[in-house]
Every structure is written in structure tokens, then in C-alpha cells.
Amino acid sequence: MSSQISIAGLPSEDRNLHLSFDAGTILLNDQRMVLMHTHAMGALRKELMDTLGMERARGVLIRMGYASGAKDAELARKLLPESTDEELLMMGPRLHTLEGVVHVKPIKVDIDIRQRHFYGEFLWENSHEAEEHLKLFGIHHDPVCWTQIGYASGYTSEIMGRFIAYREVDCRAKGDRHCRIIGRPIEEWDNAEEERSYYRPDPMAEQLLALQDEVNHLRDSLQEETGIGDMVGASQPFIQACDMLRKVADSHVTVLLLGETGVGKEMFARALHSISPLAKNPFIAINCATIPDELIESELFGVEKGAYTGAQQSRPGRFERAHGGTLFLDEVGELSMNAQAKLLRVLQEGEIERVGDTRTRKVDVRVVAATNVDLQEAVSDGRFRSDLYYRLNIYPVIIPPLRDRKDDIELLVTRFLEKYTARHGKRVSGITEKALEALKDYDWPGNIRELENMIERGVIIVTPGDAIDLKDLFPCLSMSPEVPLFNNSNEKDGGDVESLASQVIDQSTSLEEMETLLLETAVKKASGNLSQAARILGITRPQLAYRLKKREQE
């Protein structure tokens, strides 16, 4: 099934638009055409503007229109070999109207192709491009019929044999009644360089590939010189910790990672696994502090069906799942004495026994343990087995707190910005100098985890396209320029620490009573949140929990 539509202005034998529904083709003479929803064109415009920015999107659409106009001019020359200059020119507006783009009315046309002279002024009615832009973005401050401007330039330039540039002087998208354009040779326009720039090919793909190569090269250099895997840093404490990991990577020895909460112990454990001969094998992690005592054995060693109520099927534990690879035991200092004894046996014998089973299974696992608890103190207090401590402490690596890695903050901020702008699908132009300096001045009781959370919050809060500022990172702090953002001295509002200490001593308050008062006040101030209370006191949550428990027992 096919149909034909006559086109006024063309010779009778050529003026048919052929629609072949069986073949799925639309032919204007021998040129294939395509019908598209204006909504799809609008979606393309929005995608280009969101991805490339307005100026680059404008250039792409103008060049796309120029190619279409030049192709139609070739068709018009073929179909109208004996036409006058003005008839040949006006075929462009007819084709533009036929294609459903816009209805064109000439206002003034002065054309002489042989003398290469041209001036044209036209009125555009029912511009689909202006309508779609209004639907998507509302009223705009500049004309927006970029594809149509490109078409007019492409068509006229092709028939004139010289570059004819059009400017849209009125546009419905900026509130005018109709769109109106004026065209003349590019040399006759004032400040014509802007027009020229939109018609030049933009080698953006090549630029992006080159930039990607530079980023990969820079990232590889950073990883080679200052970090491992996904970690970044340039400070001496960080480099020393990385060097310790490199030295032990090829060994199968147990590694103990020591450091405060939030310093990235699991990141270091994963980095060690990634540079070891076990990199292609499993990396399994478990936080020992989050597993109840009655379940820790089954989590570590597995369970047989029917071993206890609710055990409806057999399942392997973390040791079996990590066979041939690395098992990361986070917060190992929080294990009960019973769990410590069973862990010691596995480390000594290299075999496990599932809960409810009667046979042992050999496991080949490289154990990396981590804790923010002072294990030596815990051994002295009888809370941690000395034999397990010596087994774990073969190769200790101290992970530095962020306050000792101030030189790494800018690198970490950049990495977290990349991560969370991608995760939240949001473009952020970076971080202001004022905000960056504030981050460097902060003491970071929550370490890298706190920094990462703060940057994610900043990405969520900031307006798209803007830079993250101080108010986006520290919304609860005073922004008054007279008040320092962070006061790291001993002086506080209402007096200094020495004066307060003198008052406590004068009242014959004991050290234990004062510590108890500080602990209880911090917990009350944090509304019972022990993690927040620990940050207030500048200690870790396990340290706070231990001190509170000790006082309850007393």
C-alpha cells in the first residue's frame, strides 16, 4: 500500500512525496525521509542540554539543521534546473513547511546567485522547536530555534555558493508573537565569530577520550605512587601504611589492622587482598561486633541442618566461603571469650567444624583482622585471650586517623565527589576554597567515614551545577566571620579548661567522679546515641561502652 502527496512549486513529474506503508519508506523524489514525534525531538534537545550544556547543544542542533538544509538544496537544484533565483530559494521554505517544521512567510528577499548577493527576511509561524523548548524549559532569554536556523543557513549557503548566516531576531520561546529571521553573508554581520563557532565541528568525542586517557593515567600514577586499589593519599602516614601492606602482600601471614573507627580499615584489607596472589579468589568480610554471641559460631564456621531450632538447611560459614582467599574479621576485639577460643583453634589448625556437625573441614584462608580496641589493655583486663592476641599480632599495621592525613583531604574530597555525583545523578562543579579550608581545619573524630558522609550530604543539598560551600557541609555551625569555625585551642566560650579544672579540684571532686560525670553528660547530650557521645568525648564507641559497662559493674 502506498500514497502520494503533491508538492506545489515542483514540476508535475517530480512533485510527489511517496509514502510506502508496505516497505516502511517515505521518499521525496529519491531522497528517503523519516517522520518523527516532536516530543522525541524535544527529548533529544533536553538530553543534549543536560549532557553537553546549552552552548554545545546549540552547536550540535545548528549543525544538524545545516546538514538537512544543504541536502534539501541539492534536491531543489535537481528538481528545478530552470527556475529563477527566487524560485529556487523559496523551495527551501516550502520543503521546511512540508516537513512539518515551521510555516515560512517571506518578508523581504533580495537574491542574485550570479553576483553572490543575498539578503532575506522571513517570518516563522508555528515553529515546533520553539513550542518544544517552551514545554521543557519555559520562556528563554534568547531565541532557541537552533535547528531551523541551521537549516536556513545550510539551504541558502548551498544555493548561493557562499556562507549565508541567519540570525533569529524574534522568537516565540522568548515571548514574541512569531519567530523572525534575517539572513545575509557572514562577512556582513557584526561580531560574526559567534555564528562561525556554532558551525565548526566540535571534536568533543576526541576531547572526552583524551581527557579519559589523562584521568586514567593520573589515577594510575596516584595509585602507583601514593595508594593501592581505590584508596588515595599523599601524606607520609598514609604512604607508610601502604608500604607496610605491600611488604606483606605476597605472604600468607595474618595481618592486624589497628586504628580508630572510620579510618578505612576494611578499605585497607580489600587493598591488601587486591595486591596479593589471592586477588582472584573470594574476599569475605564480617563485622564481629554486629553478630550476637549465640550466632557468631554459626556465622564463622557454618551450621548443619537440624543443629538447632530454625536450622532448616546446612550452610557454610564465612571461613568456608573465603576458602582460597581472604577473610576480614572487623572489630575482632568485640568477640566473646568463647568465640575467641574457637577462632584460635581455626588459626592454629587450619580446620573448622560446623555447628551440629561431627567432622572437620580443612580451610585455606588468609585472615586479616581489625580493631579499634587496645588489645594489650584488653588482655591485661582479662577481656581478650593472650594466645589469640599473639596469633593475630604477627604483623600489625597502624592505619592513621584523618587528622594526621590533612594533606589527603583534597584527594579524598575529589574521589567522594566523583562517587556521589555519579550515584545521585547530579552535576556539581566542585567545592569552594572556603569549604575546603574548613575541612582541613576540622579534627575529624569520625575520620574518613565522617568525611565521606559529609561530602554525600553536600552533593544532595547543593543546587545542580553549583559548588559545595561551607553551609552545605556544616549547616549547624555559625557562619559569622567574627567567630572561628573550629577552635582547636584550649579556650572555650565562658572560660578556659584550666579554670574549670581548678574549680573541680577546689570542690574536692575525684577523678573517677569527674569521668563518670563527663560520660553521663555526653550520653545525655547525645540523647542516648553512644556513637555520637563517643565523638563528643573524642574516644571510640567501644571505649565508651567499655567505660560505661565497667561503672555499671562497680
Protein backbone atom coordinates (compact mmCIF):
# COMPACT_ATOMS: atom_id res chain seq x y z
CA MET A 1 0.00 0.00 0.00
CA SER A 2 1.33 3.44 -0.96
CA SER A 3 0.16 7.03 -1.21
CA GLN A 4 1.33 10.23 -2.93
CA ILE A 5 1.17 13.88 -1.87
CA SER A 6 1.66 16.69 -4.38
CA ILE A 7 4.11 19.47 -3.63
CA ALA A 8 3.27 22.89 -5.07
CA GLY A 9 6.12 24.51 -6.97
CA LEU A 10 7.64 21.33 -8.37
CA PRO A 11 7.24 20.04 -11.96
CA SER A 12 4.33 17.57 -12.15
CA GLU A 13 6.55 14.58 -12.78
CA ASP A 14 8.66 15.27 -9.67
CA ARG A 15 6.32 16.79 -7.16
CA ASN A 16 5.25 13.65 -5.34
CA LEU A 17 6.02 12.62 -1.78
CA HIS A 18 5.72 8.82 -1.82
CA LEU A 19 4.57 7.02 1.34
CA SER A 20 5.04 3.27 1.03
CA PHE A 21 3.40 1.62 4.04
CA ASP A 22 4.33 -1.90 2.92
CA ALA A 23 8.04 -1.10 2.55
CA GLY A 24 8.14 1.27 5.51
CA THR A 25 9.68 4.12 3.46
CA ILE A 26 8.88 7.76 2.76
CA LEU A 27 10.55 9.16 -0.37
CA LEU A 28 10.75 12.78 -1.53
CA ASN A 29 11.79 12.22 -5.13
CA ASP A 30 14.57 9.66 -4.48
CA GLN A 31 15.51 11.07 -1.06
CA ARG A 32 14.37 8.97 1.93
CA MET A 33 12.64 10.90 4.71
CA VAL A 34 11.59 9.98 8.27
CA LEU A 35 8.64 11.17 10.34
CA MET A 36 9.43 11.80 14.00
CA HIS A 37 7.36 12.82 17.01
CA THR A 38 8.10 16.38 18.07
CA HIS A 39 8.20 15.00 21.62
CA ALA A 40 11.17 12.83 20.61
CA MET A 41 12.96 15.88 19.21
CA GLY A 42 12.25 17.70 22.46
CA ALA A 43 13.64 14.77 24.46
CA LEU A 44 16.79 14.84 22.30
CA ARG A 45 17.17 18.58 22.91
CA LYS A 46 16.88 18.12 26.68
CA GLU A 47 19.32 15.21 26.68
CA LEU A 48 21.86 17.25 24.72
CA MET A 49 21.49 20.26 27.00
CA ASP A 50 21.73 18.17 30.18
CA THR A 51 24.74 16.26 28.89
CA LEU A 52 26.69 18.86 26.91
CA GLY A 53 25.49 22.17 28.29
CA MET A 54 23.48 24.79 26.41
CA GLU A 55 26.19 26.18 24.13
CA ARG A 56 27.45 22.82 22.92
CA ALA A 57 23.89 21.53 22.47
CA ARG A 58 23.09 24.64 20.42
CA GLY A 59 26.06 23.94 18.15
CA VAL A 60 25.05 20.30 17.63
CA LEU A 61 21.48 21.25 16.70
CA ILE A 62 22.58 24.06 14.37
CA ARG A 63 24.98 21.75 12.53
CA MET A 64 22.30 19.06 12.31
CA GLY A 65 19.91 21.58 10.75
CA TYR A 66 22.63 22.86 8.40
CA ALA A 67 23.21 19.33 7.03
CA SER A 68 19.47 18.91 6.44
CA GLY A 69 19.16 22.28 4.69
CA ALA A 70 22.16 21.63 2.44
CA LYS A 71 20.70 18.26 1.42
CA ASP A 72 17.35 19.84 0.55
CA ALA A 73 19.16 22.48 -1.55
CA GLU A 74 20.82 19.71 -3.58
CA LEU A 75 17.37 18.19 -4.15
CA ALA A 76 15.90 21.56 -5.15
CA ARG A 77 18.67 22.18 -7.71
CA LYS A 78 17.99 18.78 -9.24
CA LEU A 79 14.22 19.28 -9.39
CA LEU A 80 14.24 22.95 -10.53
CA PRO A 81 17.09 23.30 -13.07
CA GLU A 82 15.34 26.11 -14.99
CA SER A 83 13.98 28.11 -12.06
CA THR A 84 14.69 31.73 -11.21
CA ASP A 85 16.92 32.54 -8.25
CA GLU A 86 13.95 33.46 -6.06
CA GLU A 87 12.00 30.31 -7.05
CA LEU A 88 15.00 28.16 -6.15
CA LEU A 89 15.38 29.96 -2.82
CA MET A 90 11.70 29.67 -1.91
CA MET A 91 11.71 25.91 -2.44
CA GLY A 92 13.60 25.69 0.88
CA PRO A 93 10.76 27.25 2.90
CA ARG A 94 8.24 25.05 1.05
CA LEU A 95 10.18 21.90 1.93
CA HIS A 96 10.61 23.11 5.50
CA THR A 97 6.84 23.61 5.72
CA LEU A 98 6.16 20.23 4.09
CA GLU A 99 8.40 18.52 6.65
CA GLY A 100 6.23 19.95 9.43
CA VAL A 101 8.97 22.06 10.93
CA VAL A 102 7.60 25.59 10.53
CA HIS A 103 5.41 27.70 8.24
CA VAL A 104 7.60 30.25 6.46
CA LYS A 105 6.41 33.64 5.13
CA PRO A 106 8.86 35.83 3.19
CA ILE A 107 9.04 39.47 4.29
CA LYS A 108 11.86 40.70 2.06
CA VAL A 109 14.08 38.76 -0.34
CA ASP A 110 16.94 40.22 -2.43
CA ILE A 111 18.88 37.46 -4.21
CA ASP A 112 21.30 37.33 -7.15
CA ILE A 113 23.13 34.00 -7.26
CA ARG A 114 25.46 35.03 -10.10
CA GLN A 115 26.54 38.17 -8.24
CA ARG A 116 26.56 36.17 -4.96
CA HIS A 117 24.39 38.81 -3.38
CA PHE A 118 21.77 37.90 -0.78
CA TYR A 119 19.54 39.43 1.86
CA GLY A 120 16.49 37.63 3.26
CA GLU A 121 13.98 38.29 6.00
CA PHE A 122 11.33 35.72 6.87
CA LEU A 123 8.53 35.19 9.38
CA TRP A 124 8.20 31.79 11.04
CA GLU A 125 4.80 30.63 12.26
CA ASN A 126 4.07 27.50 14.33
CA SER A 127 7.72 26.72 14.99
CA HIS A 128 7.79 23.22 16.53
CA GLU A 129 11.21 23.94 18.01
CA ALA A 130 10.00 26.99 19.93
CA GLU A 131 6.95 25.04 21.15
CA GLU A 132 9.03 22.12 22.46
CA HIS A 133 11.51 24.43 24.18
CA LEU A 134 8.66 26.27 25.91
CA LYS A 135 7.20 22.97 27.12
CA LEU A 136 10.52 21.77 28.50
CA PHE A 137 12.14 24.94 29.83
CA GLY A 138 9.61 27.78 29.71
CA ILE A 139 10.38 31.32 28.49
CA HIS A 140 14.02 31.76 27.45
CA HIS A 141 16.08 34.95 27.30
CA ASP A 142 17.45 34.23 23.80
CA PRO A 143 16.00 32.77 20.57
CA VAL A 144 16.04 28.95 20.55
CA CYS A 145 15.11 27.75 17.04
CA TRP A 146 18.62 26.46 16.52
CA THR A 147 17.91 23.53 14.18
CA GLN A 148 15.75 25.76 11.95
CA ILE A 149 18.44 28.48 11.83
CA GLY A 150 20.92 25.81 10.79
CA TYR A 151 18.54 24.56 8.09
CA ALA A 152 18.06 28.06 6.64
CA SER A 153 21.81 28.66 6.62
CA GLY A 154 22.55 25.27 5.07
CA TYR A 155 19.94 25.63 2.35
CA THR A 156 20.81 29.21 1.38
CA SER A 157 24.58 28.67 1.59
CA GLU A 158 24.33 25.68 -0.74
CA ILE A 159 22.42 27.52 -3.47
CA MET A 160 24.47 30.74 -3.10
CA GLY A 161 27.87 29.04 -3.06
CA ARG A 162 28.93 31.11 -0.04
CA PHE A 163 28.28 31.03 3.70
CA ILE A 164 24.96 32.73 4.47
CA ALA A 165 24.31 33.13 8.21
CA TYR A 166 20.87 33.71 9.69
CA ARG A 167 20.03 35.32 12.99
CA GLU A 168 16.74 34.85 14.79
CA VAL A 169 15.76 38.34 15.93
CA ASP A 170 12.31 37.42 17.35
CA CYS A 171 11.29 34.09 18.89
CA ARG A 172 8.12 32.73 20.45
CA ALA A 173 10.22 30.99 23.09
CA LYS A 174 11.27 34.38 24.46
CA GLY A 175 7.74 35.77 24.43
CA ASP A 176 7.44 37.24 20.90
CA ARG A 177 4.30 36.73 18.80
CA HIS A 178 6.18 34.94 16.00
CA CYS A 179 9.71 33.93 15.16
CA ARG A 180 11.53 36.17 12.66
CA ILE A 181 14.90 35.60 10.98
CA ILE A 182 17.31 37.68 8.87
CA GLY A 183 19.96 36.17 6.62
CA ARG A 184 23.00 37.74 4.91
CA PRO A 185 26.59 36.72 4.06
CA ILE A 186 28.56 36.00 7.22
CA GLU A 187 31.04 38.79 6.41
CA GLU A 188 28.27 41.41 6.57
CA TRP A 189 27.31 40.60 10.17
CA ASP A 190 28.88 42.44 13.08
CA ASN A 191 30.54 40.15 15.66
CA ALA A 192 30.10 37.18 13.34
CA GLU A 193 32.62 34.98 15.11
CA GLU A 194 29.89 33.58 17.38
CA GLU A 195 27.96 32.36 14.33
CA ARG A 196 31.09 30.81 12.88
CA SER A 197 31.82 28.92 16.11
CA TYR A 198 28.45 27.12 16.03
CA TYR A 199 29.07 25.79 12.50
CA ARG A 200 32.55 24.47 13.21
CA PRO A 201 32.78 20.74 14.02
CA ASP A 202 33.21 20.20 17.74
CA PRO A 203 35.64 17.30 18.29
CA MET A 204 34.05 16.61 21.66
CA ALA A 205 34.34 12.84 21.45
CA GLU A 206 38.07 13.11 20.82
CA GLN A 207 38.39 15.58 23.69
CA LEU A 208 36.49 13.28 26.03
CA LEU A 209 38.62 10.29 25.06
CA ALA A 210 41.80 12.31 25.53
CA LEU A 211 40.54 13.55 28.90
CA GLN A 212 39.63 10.00 29.92
CA ASP A 213 43.14 8.85 29.00
CA GLU A 214 44.62 11.67 31.07
CA VAL A 215 42.40 10.82 34.04
CA ASN A 216 43.29 7.13 33.82
CA HIS A 217 46.95 7.99 33.55
CA LEU A 218 46.74 10.34 36.52
CA ARG A 219 44.79 7.76 38.55
CA ASP A 220 47.31 5.07 37.70
CA SER A 221 50.11 7.41 38.73
CA LEU A 222 48.39 8.21 42.01
CA GLN A 223 47.79 4.55 42.73
CA GLU A 224 51.36 3.66 41.88
CA GLU A 225 52.90 6.43 43.93
CA THR A 226 50.52 7.09 46.79
CA GLY A 227 47.81 4.47 47.06
CA ILE A 228 46.58 0.96 46.47
CA GLY A 229 43.42 -0.06 44.69
CA ASP A 230 40.67 2.50 45.24
CA MET A 231 42.48 4.32 48.06
CA VAL A 232 44.10 7.72 47.54
CA GLY A 233 46.53 9.71 49.61
CA ALA A 234 49.79 11.61 49.54
CA SER A 235 50.56 12.12 53.24
CA GLN A 236 53.52 10.39 54.82
CA PRO A 237 51.47 8.37 57.37
CA PHE A 238 49.25 7.04 54.57
CA ILE A 239 52.22 6.16 52.36
CA GLN A 240 53.90 4.33 55.25
CA ALA A 241 50.75 2.26 55.90
CA CYS A 242 50.54 1.38 52.18
CA ASP A 243 54.19 0.37 52.18
CA MET A 244 53.52 -1.96 55.10
CA LEU A 245 50.75 -3.64 53.08
CA ARG A 246 52.95 -4.03 50.00
CA LYS A 247 55.67 -5.72 52.04
CA VAL A 248 53.30 -8.35 53.42
CA ALA A 249 51.14 -8.82 50.31
CA ASP A 250 52.90 -11.93 48.98
CA SER A 251 52.95 -13.59 52.38
CA HIS A 252 50.16 -15.71 53.90
CA VAL A 253 50.74 -14.30 57.38
CA THR A 254 47.85 -12.96 59.49
CA VAL A 255 47.65 -9.15 59.45
CA LEU A 256 46.19 -7.00 62.24
CA LEU A 257 44.91 -3.56 61.21
CA LEU A 258 44.79 -1.09 64.09
CA GLY A 259 43.15 2.31 64.11
CA GLU A 260 40.23 4.43 65.19
CA THR A 261 36.67 3.96 63.99
CA GLY A 262 36.15 5.23 60.44
CA VAL A 263 39.78 5.27 59.28
CA GLY A 264 39.04 2.78 56.48
CA LYS A 265 40.32 -0.50 57.87
CA GLU A 266 38.14 -2.54 55.52
CA MET A 267 39.42 -0.49 52.56
CA PHE A 268 42.98 -1.36 53.60
CA ALA A 269 42.01 -5.03 53.97
CA ARG A 270 40.50 -5.05 50.46
CA ALA A 271 43.55 -3.27 49.11
CA LEU A 272 45.83 -5.90 50.65
CA HIS A 273 43.71 -8.65 49.09
CA SER A 274 43.80 -6.92 45.68
CA ILE A 275 47.62 -6.83 45.51
CA SER A 276 48.11 -10.33 46.92
CA PRO A 277 48.34 -13.61 44.96
CA LEU A 278 44.83 -14.33 46.29
CA ALA A 279 43.26 -11.39 44.41
CA LYS A 280 41.18 -13.60 42.08
CA ASN A 281 39.75 -15.60 45.00
CA PRO A 282 36.99 -14.56 47.44
CA PHE A 283 37.24 -11.63 49.84
CA ILE A 284 34.75 -12.20 52.70
CA ALA A 285 34.14 -9.65 55.45
CA ILE A 286 32.30 -9.92 58.76
CA ASN A 287 31.81 -7.35 61.49
CA CYS A 288 32.18 -9.34 64.71
CA ALA A 289 30.56 -6.59 66.80
CA THR A 290 27.24 -6.86 64.95
CA ILE A 291 26.73 -10.63 65.39
CA PRO A 292 25.11 -11.83 68.65
CA ASP A 293 27.28 -14.22 70.71
CA GLU A 294 24.86 -17.11 70.17
CA LEU A 295 25.16 -16.75 66.37
CA ILE A 296 28.82 -15.86 65.88
CA GLU A 297 29.95 -19.51 65.77
CA SER A 298 27.47 -20.46 63.05
CA GLU A 299 28.34 -17.30 61.09
CA LEU A 300 32.06 -18.02 61.18
CA PHE A 301 32.09 -21.81 60.87
CA GLY A 302 28.72 -22.74 59.34
CA VAL A 303 25.86 -24.90 60.54
CA GLU A 304 24.41 -28.32 59.76
CA LYS A 305 20.71 -28.87 59.17
CA GLY A 306 18.86 -29.56 62.44
CA ALA A 307 21.71 -28.32 64.64
CA TYR A 308 19.25 -26.09 66.45
CA THR A 309 15.68 -24.85 66.10
CA GLY A 310 15.41 -22.88 62.89
CA ALA A 311 18.41 -24.52 61.19
CA GLN A 312 16.37 -25.98 58.34
CA GLN A 313 19.28 -26.41 55.96
CA SER A 314 23.04 -26.73 56.06
CA ARG A 315 25.06 -23.69 55.12
CA PRO A 316 28.75 -22.81 55.05
CA GLY A 317 30.23 -20.18 57.32
CA ARG A 318 32.49 -17.28 56.44
CA PHE A 319 35.67 -19.38 56.68
CA GLU A 320 34.41 -21.89 54.11
CA ARG A 321 33.17 -19.13 51.80
CA ALA A 322 36.60 -17.46 51.97
CA HIS A 323 38.46 -20.70 51.19
CA GLY A 324 41.45 -19.88 48.98
CA GLY A 325 41.04 -16.16 49.62
CA THR A 326 40.93 -13.59 52.40
CA LEU A 327 38.67 -13.39 55.46
CA PHE A 328 38.38 -9.93 57.04
CA LEU A 329 37.38 -10.02 60.72
CA ASP A 330 36.37 -6.46 61.61
CA GLU A 331 36.01 -5.43 65.27
CA VAL A 332 37.69 -8.67 66.36
CA GLY A 333 38.20 -7.16 69.81
CA GLU A 334 34.45 -7.43 70.41
CA LEU A 335 34.37 -11.26 70.22
CA SER A 336 33.26 -13.14 73.32
CA MET A 337 35.81 -15.33 75.14
CA ASN A 338 34.09 -18.46 73.82
CA ALA A 339 34.26 -17.23 70.21
CA GLN A 340 37.91 -16.24 70.72
CA ALA A 341 38.80 -19.80 71.76
CA LYS A 342 37.19 -21.29 68.64
CA LEU A 343 38.81 -18.71 66.39
CA LEU A 344 42.21 -19.53 67.87
CA ARG A 345 41.75 -23.22 67.05
CA VAL A 346 40.99 -22.43 63.41
CA LEU A 347 44.04 -20.20 63.11
CA GLN A 348 46.25 -22.89 64.67
CA GLU A 349 44.87 -26.00 62.95
CA GLY A 350 43.52 -24.60 59.67
CA GLU A 351 40.27 -26.52 60.03
CA ILE A 352 36.70 -25.78 61.06
CA GLU A 353 33.77 -27.75 62.36
CA ARG A 354 30.25 -26.66 61.53
CA VAL A 355 27.76 -26.28 64.36
CA GLY A 356 25.98 -29.63 64.73
CA ASP A 357 28.50 -31.50 62.57
CA THR A 358 30.80 -34.37 63.57
CA ARG A 359 33.55 -33.91 61.02
CA THR A 360 36.12 -31.24 60.38
CA ARG A 361 36.80 -29.38 57.14
CA LYS A 362 40.17 -28.02 56.06
CA VAL A 363 40.21 -24.36 55.10
CA ASP A 364 42.98 -22.34 53.49
CA VAL A 365 42.25 -18.74 54.41
CA ARG A 366 44.37 -15.64 54.83
CA VAL A 367 42.98 -13.81 57.89
CA VAL A 368 43.08 -10.02 58.16
CA ALA A 369 41.73 -8.77 61.50
CA ALA A 370 40.93 -5.22 62.56
CA THR A 371 40.05 -3.48 65.79
CA ASN A 372 39.94 -0.05 67.38
CA VAL A 373 40.28 -1.64 70.83
CA ASP A 374 43.65 -1.59 72.60
CA LEU A 375 44.14 -5.36 72.60
CA GLN A 376 47.09 -5.22 75.00
CA GLU A 377 44.92 -3.39 77.51
CA ALA A 378 42.10 -5.87 76.84
CA VAL A 379 44.49 -8.77 77.54
CA SER A 380 45.59 -7.12 80.78
CA ASP A 381 41.96 -6.63 81.78
CA GLY A 382 41.14 -10.26 81.01
CA ARG A 383 38.77 -9.38 78.13
CA PHE A 384 40.90 -10.85 75.35
CA ARG A 385 42.89 -14.09 75.19
CA SER A 386 46.62 -13.50 75.19
CA ASP A 387 47.31 -16.53 72.94
CA LEU A 388 44.85 -15.23 70.33
CA TYR A 389 46.36 -11.77 70.61
CA TYR A 390 49.85 -13.11 69.86
CA ARG A 391 48.46 -15.15 66.96
CA LEU A 392 46.78 -12.08 65.45
CA ASN A 393 49.54 -9.61 66.23
CA ILE A 394 52.18 -11.18 63.98
CA TYR A 395 52.09 -8.26 61.53
CA PRO A 396 50.32 -5.17 62.92
CA VAL A 397 49.65 -2.20 60.62
CA ILE A 398 48.53 1.09 62.15
CA ILE A 399 46.02 2.99 59.98
CA PRO A 400 46.48 6.73 60.65
CA PRO A 401 43.48 8.89 61.64
CA LEU A 402 42.37 11.56 59.20
CA ARG A 403 43.59 14.37 61.47
CA ASP A 404 47.12 13.09 60.74
CA ARG A 405 46.39 12.99 56.99
CA LYS A 406 45.34 16.58 56.33
CA ASP A 407 47.31 16.56 53.06
CA ASP A 408 44.99 13.81 51.78
CA ILE A 409 41.71 15.65 52.35
CA GLU A 410 41.59 17.32 48.93
CA LEU A 411 42.28 14.00 47.16
CA LEU A 412 39.61 12.25 49.23
CA VAL A 413 37.08 15.01 48.57
CA THR A 414 37.67 14.68 44.81
CA ARG A 415 37.19 10.90 44.97
CA PHE A 416 33.99 11.18 47.03
CA LEU A 417 32.61 13.87 44.72
CA GLU A 418 33.13 11.53 41.74
CA LYS A 419 31.42 8.72 43.61
CA TYR A 420 28.35 10.54 44.86
CA THR A 421 27.67 12.80 41.88
CA ALA A 422 27.53 9.58 39.84
CA ARG A 423 25.39 7.76 42.42
CA HIS A 424 22.86 10.60 42.74
CA GLY A 425 22.95 11.58 39.05
CA LYS A 426 23.80 15.17 39.91
CA ARG A 427 26.32 17.58 38.39
CA VAL A 428 28.33 19.53 40.97
CA SER A 429 31.04 21.96 39.89
CA GLY A 430 33.29 21.11 42.84
CA ILE A 431 33.87 22.56 46.28
CA THR A 432 34.65 26.14 47.26
CA GLU A 433 38.03 27.11 48.68
CA LYS A 434 36.36 28.26 51.89
CA ALA A 435 34.70 24.88 52.37
CA LEU A 436 37.91 23.01 51.57
CA GLU A 437 39.87 25.05 54.10
CA ALA A 438 37.19 24.33 56.72
CA LEU A 439 37.54 20.60 56.05
CA LYS A 440 41.30 20.87 56.55
CA ASP A 441 40.82 22.73 59.84
CA TYR A 442 38.36 20.19 61.26
CA ASP A 443 39.62 17.47 63.68
CA TRP A 444 37.56 14.60 62.18
CA PRO A 445 36.53 12.48 65.18
CA GLY A 446 34.68 10.19 62.72
CA ASN A 447 37.66 10.07 60.34
CA ILE A 448 37.25 9.20 56.65
CA ARG A 449 33.76 7.79 57.15
CA GLU A 450 32.63 11.16 58.52
CA LEU A 451 34.24 12.99 55.58
CA GLU A 452 32.56 10.67 53.09
CA ASN A 453 29.15 11.16 54.71
CA MET A 454 29.66 14.92 54.78
CA ILE A 455 30.52 15.07 51.06
CA GLU A 456 27.49 12.93 50.18
CA ARG A 457 25.27 15.27 52.18
CA GLY A 458 26.82 18.23 50.34
CA VAL A 459 26.12 16.65 46.95
CA ILE A 460 22.48 16.06 47.95
CA ILE A 461 21.96 19.57 49.34
CA VAL A 462 23.75 21.73 46.75
CA THR A 463 21.90 23.14 43.73
CA PRO A 464 22.84 21.29 40.50
CA GLY A 465 25.77 22.96 38.75
CA ASP A 466 26.90 24.86 41.88
CA ALA A 467 29.95 24.23 44.04
CA ILE A 468 29.56 22.77 47.54
CA ASP A 469 30.01 25.54 50.09
CA LEU A 470 30.53 25.74 53.83
CA LYS A 471 26.81 25.88 54.61
CA ASP A 472 26.26 22.61 52.70
CA LEU A 473 28.85 20.78 54.82
CA PHE A 474 28.37 22.33 58.28
CA PRO A 475 24.75 23.59 58.31
CA CYS A 476 24.58 23.74 62.11
CA LEU A 477 27.69 25.83 62.66
CA SER A 478 27.74 29.61 62.92
CA MET A 479 28.75 31.35 59.72
CA SER A 480 29.62 34.58 61.47
CA PRO A 481 33.03 35.86 60.28
CA GLU A 482 33.81 37.09 63.77
CA VAL A 483 33.55 33.58 65.25
CA PRO A 484 36.17 30.98 64.23
CA LEU A 485 34.57 27.93 62.62
CA PHE A 486 36.77 25.49 64.50
CA ASN A 487 38.55 26.41 67.72
CA ASN A 488 41.32 23.90 68.36
CA SER A 489 42.79 25.78 71.33
CA ASN A 490 42.02 25.06 74.97
CA GLU A 491 39.90 28.20 75.27
CA LYS A 492 36.11 27.78 75.18
CA ASP A 493 33.19 30.16 75.47
CA GLY A 494 32.74 31.18 79.10
CA GLY A 495 36.24 30.36 80.32
CA ASP A 496 39.16 28.02 79.71
CA VAL A 497 39.87 24.42 80.64
CA GLU A 498 42.48 25.33 83.27
CA SER A 499 39.94 27.47 85.15
CA LEU A 500 37.40 24.66 85.03
CA ALA A 501 39.99 22.15 86.32
CA SER A 502 40.86 24.45 89.22
CA GLN A 503 37.19 24.66 90.19
CA VAL A 504 36.84 20.86 90.13
CA ILE A 505 39.92 20.40 92.36
CA ASP A 506 38.77 23.11 94.77
CA GLN A 507 35.50 21.17 95.22
CA SER A 508 37.45 18.00 96.11
CA THR A 509 35.92 16.08 93.17
CA SER A 510 37.72 12.80 92.48
CA LEU A 511 39.00 11.83 89.03
CA GLU A 512 36.59 8.87 88.86
CA GLU A 513 33.63 11.08 89.80
CA MET A 514 34.62 13.63 87.17
CA GLU A 515 34.99 10.95 84.47
CA THR A 516 31.61 9.46 85.37
CA LEU A 517 30.02 12.91 85.16
CA LEU A 518 31.61 13.54 81.74
CA LEU A 519 30.45 10.17 80.40
CA GLU A 520 26.88 10.58 81.65
CA THR A 521 26.67 14.17 80.40
CA ALA A 522 27.92 13.22 76.93
CA VAL A 523 25.40 10.36 76.67
CA LYS A 524 22.61 12.67 77.81
CA LYS A 525 23.67 15.38 75.37
CA ALA A 526 23.66 12.79 72.56
CA SER A 527 20.16 11.58 73.57
CA GLY A 528 21.50 8.11 74.31
CA ASN A 529 23.37 7.72 71.00
CA LEU A 530 26.66 6.15 72.11
CA SER A 531 28.43 6.79 68.80
CA GLN A 532 27.63 10.50 68.97
CA ALA A 533 28.54 10.63 72.68
CA ALA A 534 31.90 9.00 71.89
CA ARG A 535 32.58 11.63 69.23
CA ILE A 536 31.78 14.38 71.73
CA LEU A 537 34.35 12.91 74.13
CA GLY A 538 36.92 12.22 71.42
CA ILE A 539 37.04 8.45 72.03
CA THR A 540 35.75 5.42 70.14
CA ARG A 541 32.33 3.87 70.73
CA PRO A 542 33.80 0.59 72.08
CA GLN A 543 35.94 2.60 74.52
CA LEU A 544 32.87 4.48 75.73
CA ALA A 545 30.81 1.28 76.00
CA TYR A 546 33.59 -0.40 77.99
CA ARG A 547 33.84 2.51 80.46
CA LEU A 548 30.07 2.63 80.96
CA LYS A 549 29.88 -1.14 81.47
CA LYS A 550 32.75 -1.02 83.94
CA ARG A 551 30.92 1.58 86.01
CA GLU A 552 27.72 -0.49 85.98
CA GLN A 553 29.67 -3.48 87.34
CA GLU A 554 31.21 -1.35 90.08
